[in-house]
Amino acid sequence: MTDPDPHPGTAPTPPPTPGPAPAPIAELGAVVLDCPDPRALAAFYAGILGGTPAEDDEGTWFDLELPGGRTLAFQEAPGHEPPEWPAPGGSGSQQFHLDLTVTDLDAAEKGVLALGARPLDTDDRARTWRVYADPAGHPFCLCAC
């Protein structure tokens, strides 16, 4: 059985025709990671991605200006609790992660472990990606994709 036409005698509305994308409302300024020690986490990611961390006047925020103009920022969050990965029972603690592109997974793994990363899912060496946690517990992937 079909639903009755709410407007009998009228033609259905055609789908919108593709056209130019609308102007963006905003642009991405920075990705910000909450953490207990923004200085240490900024130094960790500077060791992986390059750049020099810049501290705000209060020491509670660090910007890491990356080569190419992107910014990764770190904000002090007292009582920060890292996300769980994988979340137990599929409860979904993790909300996002960073994919960091590398050319040599094994060499990159040695580098991030030396900086203080913790392996989360690295056993399958046939995959083109591996999962780690940064020193504050945020998951990130090294990807040779």
Protein backbone atom coordinates (compact mmCIF):
# COMPACT_ATOMS: atom_id res chain seq x y z
CA MET A 1 0.00 0.00 0.00
CA THR A 2 1.36 3.45 -0.88
CA ASP A 3 0.84 6.64 1.03
CA PRO A 4 -1.80 8.95 -0.46
CA ASP A 5 -0.42 11.91 -2.41
CA PRO A 6 -0.65 14.92 -0.09
CA HIS A 7 -1.04 17.23 -3.10
CA PRO A 8 -3.11 15.38 -5.73
CA GLY A 9 -2.74 16.72 -9.23
CA THR A 10 0.70 18.29 -8.68
CA ALA A 11 3.94 17.02 -10.13
CA PRO A 12 6.57 15.74 -7.69
CA THR A 13 9.37 18.16 -6.91
CA PRO A 14 12.43 17.32 -9.03
CA PRO A 15 15.73 16.75 -7.24
CA PRO A 16 18.00 19.80 -7.07
CA THR A 17 20.34 20.21 -10.01
CA PRO A 18 24.02 20.09 -9.24
CA GLY A 19 25.69 23.46 -9.28
CA PRO A 20 28.61 25.23 -7.75
CA ALA A 21 29.27 24.46 -4.11
CA PRO A 22 27.98 27.11 -1.74
CA ALA A 23 30.50 29.46 -0.23
CA PRO A 24 31.93 28.07 2.99
CA ILE A 25 30.68 29.50 6.25
CA ALA A 26 34.05 29.13 7.96
CA GLU A 27 37.53 27.74 7.50
CA LEU A 28 39.36 25.36 9.79
CA GLY A 29 41.67 27.35 12.03
CA ALA A 30 43.23 24.59 14.14
CA VAL A 31 42.63 21.15 15.49
CA VAL A 32 42.89 21.43 19.29
CA LEU A 33 43.75 18.55 21.60
CA ASP A 34 42.78 18.84 25.27
CA CYS A 35 45.48 17.43 27.54
CA PRO A 36 46.97 17.69 31.02
CA ASP A 37 50.35 19.08 29.83
CA PRO A 38 50.13 21.14 26.62
CA ARG A 39 53.87 21.90 26.56
CA ALA A 40 54.81 18.20 26.60
CA LEU A 41 52.18 17.20 24.04
CA ALA A 42 53.18 20.05 21.69
CA ALA A 43 56.80 18.88 21.92
CA PHE A 44 55.72 15.29 21.18
CA TYR A 45 53.88 16.29 17.99
CA ALA A 46 56.66 18.71 16.98
CA GLY A 47 58.98 15.69 17.08
CA ILE A 48 56.69 13.85 14.66
CA LEU A 49 55.39 16.62 12.39
CA GLY A 50 58.02 19.37 12.66
CA GLY A 51 57.33 22.96 13.57
CA THR A 52 58.00 24.93 16.72
CA PRO A 53 55.47 25.15 19.56
CA ALA A 54 54.44 28.69 20.56
CA GLU A 55 53.13 29.26 24.09
CA ASP A 56 50.38 31.68 25.08
CA ASP A 57 50.94 34.16 27.92
CA GLU A 58 49.52 31.81 30.55
CA GLY A 59 51.18 28.57 29.43
CA THR A 60 47.84 26.82 29.08
CA TRP A 61 47.74 26.82 25.26
CA PHE A 62 50.38 25.96 22.66
CA ASP A 63 50.10 26.37 18.88
CA LEU A 64 52.22 24.12 16.70
CA GLU A 65 52.53 25.84 13.33
CA LEU A 66 53.16 23.00 10.90
CA PRO A 67 55.01 23.12 7.61
CA GLY A 68 52.43 24.00 4.97
CA GLY A 69 50.54 26.43 7.19
CA ARG A 70 48.32 24.13 9.25
CA THR A 71 48.05 24.49 13.02
CA LEU A 72 47.72 21.82 15.66
CA ALA A 73 47.00 23.28 19.10
CA PHE A 74 47.11 21.95 22.65
CA GLN A 75 44.96 23.23 25.50
CA GLU A 76 45.39 22.49 29.19
CA ALA A 77 42.40 20.55 30.48
CA PRO A 78 42.57 19.86 34.22
CA GLY A 79 41.11 16.44 34.96
CA HIS A 80 41.60 15.31 31.35
CA GLU A 81 40.70 11.67 30.85
CA PRO A 82 42.03 10.09 27.66
CA PRO A 83 39.60 8.33 25.34
CA GLU A 84 39.52 4.54 25.36
CA TRP A 85 40.56 2.71 22.22
CA PRO A 86 39.01 0.47 21.34
CA ALA A 87 36.06 1.38 23.50
CA PRO A 88 35.00 -1.54 25.72
CA GLY A 89 31.77 -3.12 24.62
CA GLY A 90 31.51 -0.73 21.66
CA SER A 91 30.47 2.12 23.95
CA GLY A 92 32.27 4.67 21.77
CA SER A 93 34.67 6.60 24.00
CA GLN A 94 36.92 7.71 21.12
CA GLN A 95 35.55 10.69 19.21
CA PHE A 96 38.25 11.35 16.64
CA HIS A 97 41.87 10.56 15.84
CA LEU A 98 44.67 11.92 13.68
CA ASP A 99 45.89 10.06 10.59
CA LEU A 100 49.57 10.90 10.07
CA THR A 101 50.93 9.97 6.64
CA VAL A 102 54.39 8.36 6.50
CA THR A 103 56.46 6.65 3.83
CA ASP A 104 58.08 4.00 6.06
CA LEU A 105 55.86 2.55 8.81
CA ASP A 106 58.66 0.74 10.62
CA ALA A 107 60.93 3.79 10.76
CA ALA A 108 58.04 6.06 11.79
CA GLU A 109 57.01 3.59 14.48
CA LYS A 110 60.51 3.66 15.98
CA GLY A 111 60.38 7.46 15.97
CA VAL A 112 56.99 7.83 17.67
CA LEU A 113 57.80 5.18 20.28
CA ALA A 114 61.05 7.00 21.11
CA LEU A 115 59.01 10.19 21.62
CA GLY A 116 56.68 8.44 24.08
CA ALA A 117 53.85 6.97 21.98
CA ARG A 118 52.19 3.76 23.18
CA PRO A 119 51.13 1.03 20.70
CA LEU A 120 47.39 0.32 20.63
CA ASP A 121 46.91 -1.82 17.50
CA THR A 122 50.19 -2.58 15.75
CA ASP A 123 50.36 -6.39 15.54
CA ASP A 124 49.14 -6.81 11.93
CA ARG A 125 52.28 -5.87 10.01
CA ALA A 126 50.58 -6.54 6.64
CA ARG A 127 48.29 -3.51 7.07
CA THR A 128 49.24 -0.07 5.77
CA TRP A 129 48.36 1.59 9.09
CA ARG A 130 49.03 1.19 12.82
CA VAL A 131 47.34 2.75 15.86
CA TYR A 132 49.14 4.41 18.78
CA ALA A 133 48.30 6.67 21.71
CA ASP A 134 50.14 9.93 22.30
CA PRO A 135 51.46 10.66 25.82
CA ALA A 136 48.07 12.14 26.83
CA GLY A 137 46.23 9.05 25.54
CA HIS A 138 44.78 10.39 22.26
CA PRO A 139 44.71 7.71 19.55
CA PHE A 140 46.52 8.44 16.28
CA CYS A 141 47.42 6.37 13.24
CA LEU A 142 50.56 6.16 11.22
CA CYS A 143 49.42 5.53 7.65
CA ALA A 144 51.49 4.49 4.65
CA CYS A 145 48.40 4.52 2.44
